[in-house]
Amino acid sequence: MPLHIAFNDLDALRERCETATVRATKQDPAYEEGSVVPSGLWQPLTEADGLSLVVQAMCADLALAGK
């Protein structure tokens, strides 16, 4: 299920959000088994990624993160 975020200002969202690829841990003593942790460097949220998070008119409540 996709995630959507209710926001009014894409530039403000991009200023406070970063993304990274992630991995699930396995036999890593630094983390609880199965934890999802970043596996690369944090990157700024791109405009395209931000636009993909825009709430659509027929968005299911379960896919909505409040602003």
Protein backbone atom coordinates (compact mmCIF):
# COMPACT_ATOMS: atom_id res chain seq x y z
CA MET A 1 0.00 0.00 0.00
CA PRO A 2 1.49 3.38 -0.93
CA LEU A 3 2.08 6.09 1.66
CA HIS A 4 0.61 9.57 1.18
CA ILE A 5 1.40 12.66 3.25
CA ALA A 6 -0.93 15.64 3.70
CA PHE A 7 1.19 18.75 3.13
CA ASN A 8 0.77 22.23 1.70
CA ASP A 9 4.33 23.18 0.78
CA LEU A 10 6.51 20.75 -1.17
CA ASP A 11 9.65 22.84 -0.57
CA ALA A 12 9.07 22.78 3.22
CA LEU A 13 8.53 19.00 3.10
CA ARG A 14 11.75 18.55 1.14
CA GLU A 15 13.67 20.71 3.64
CA ARG A 16 12.74 18.44 6.56
CA CYS A 17 12.79 14.99 4.89
CA GLU A 18 15.57 12.75 3.68
CA THR A 19 15.46 9.24 2.25
CA ALA A 20 17.78 6.25 2.27
CA THR A 21 17.73 2.69 1.05
CA VAL A 22 17.10 0.24 3.86
CA ARG A 23 17.83 -3.33 4.82
CA ALA A 24 16.44 -5.78 7.34
CA THR A 25 19.01 -6.88 9.91
CA LYS A 26 20.02 -10.50 10.33
CA GLN A 27 22.51 -11.71 12.92
CA ASP A 28 23.74 -8.16 13.57
CA PRO A 29 24.48 -7.70 17.29
CA ALA A 30 23.99 -3.92 17.01
CA TYR A 31 20.28 -4.30 16.14
CA GLU A 32 17.24 -6.34 17.08
CA GLU A 33 16.73 -9.22 14.61
CA GLY A 34 14.67 -8.07 11.60
CA SER A 35 15.03 -4.35 12.31
CA VAL A 36 14.83 -2.11 9.26
CA VAL A 37 17.84 0.20 9.17
CA PRO A 38 19.42 2.53 6.59
CA SER A 39 21.93 0.79 4.35
CA GLY A 40 23.27 3.85 2.58
CA LEU A 41 23.71 7.56 2.94
CA TRP A 42 20.71 9.78 3.64
CA GLN A 43 19.72 11.78 0.56
CA PRO A 44 17.49 14.85 0.12
CA LEU A 45 13.91 14.10 -0.87
CA THR A 46 13.65 14.69 -4.61
CA GLU A 47 10.83 16.72 -6.11
CA ALA A 48 9.55 13.63 -7.94
CA ASP A 49 9.51 11.60 -4.70
CA GLY A 50 7.73 14.42 -2.87
CA LEU A 51 5.10 14.67 -5.58
CA SER A 52 4.54 10.91 -5.42
CA LEU A 53 3.47 11.37 -1.76
CA VAL A 54 0.67 13.86 -2.55
CA VAL A 55 -2.71 12.75 -1.23
CA GLN A 56 -5.03 11.65 -4.04
CA ALA A 57 -8.78 12.38 -4.02
CA MET A 58 -9.74 8.74 -3.35
CA CYS A 59 -6.97 7.92 -0.86
CA ALA A 60 -7.72 5.21 1.71
CA ASP A 61 -7.43 6.42 5.33
CA LEU A 62 -4.85 3.73 6.09
CA ALA A 63 -2.44 5.21 3.52
CA LEU A 64 -2.55 8.74 4.92
CA ALA A 65 0.01 10.27 7.27
CA GLY A 66 -1.24 13.44 8.99
CA LYS A 67 0.40 16.80 8.58
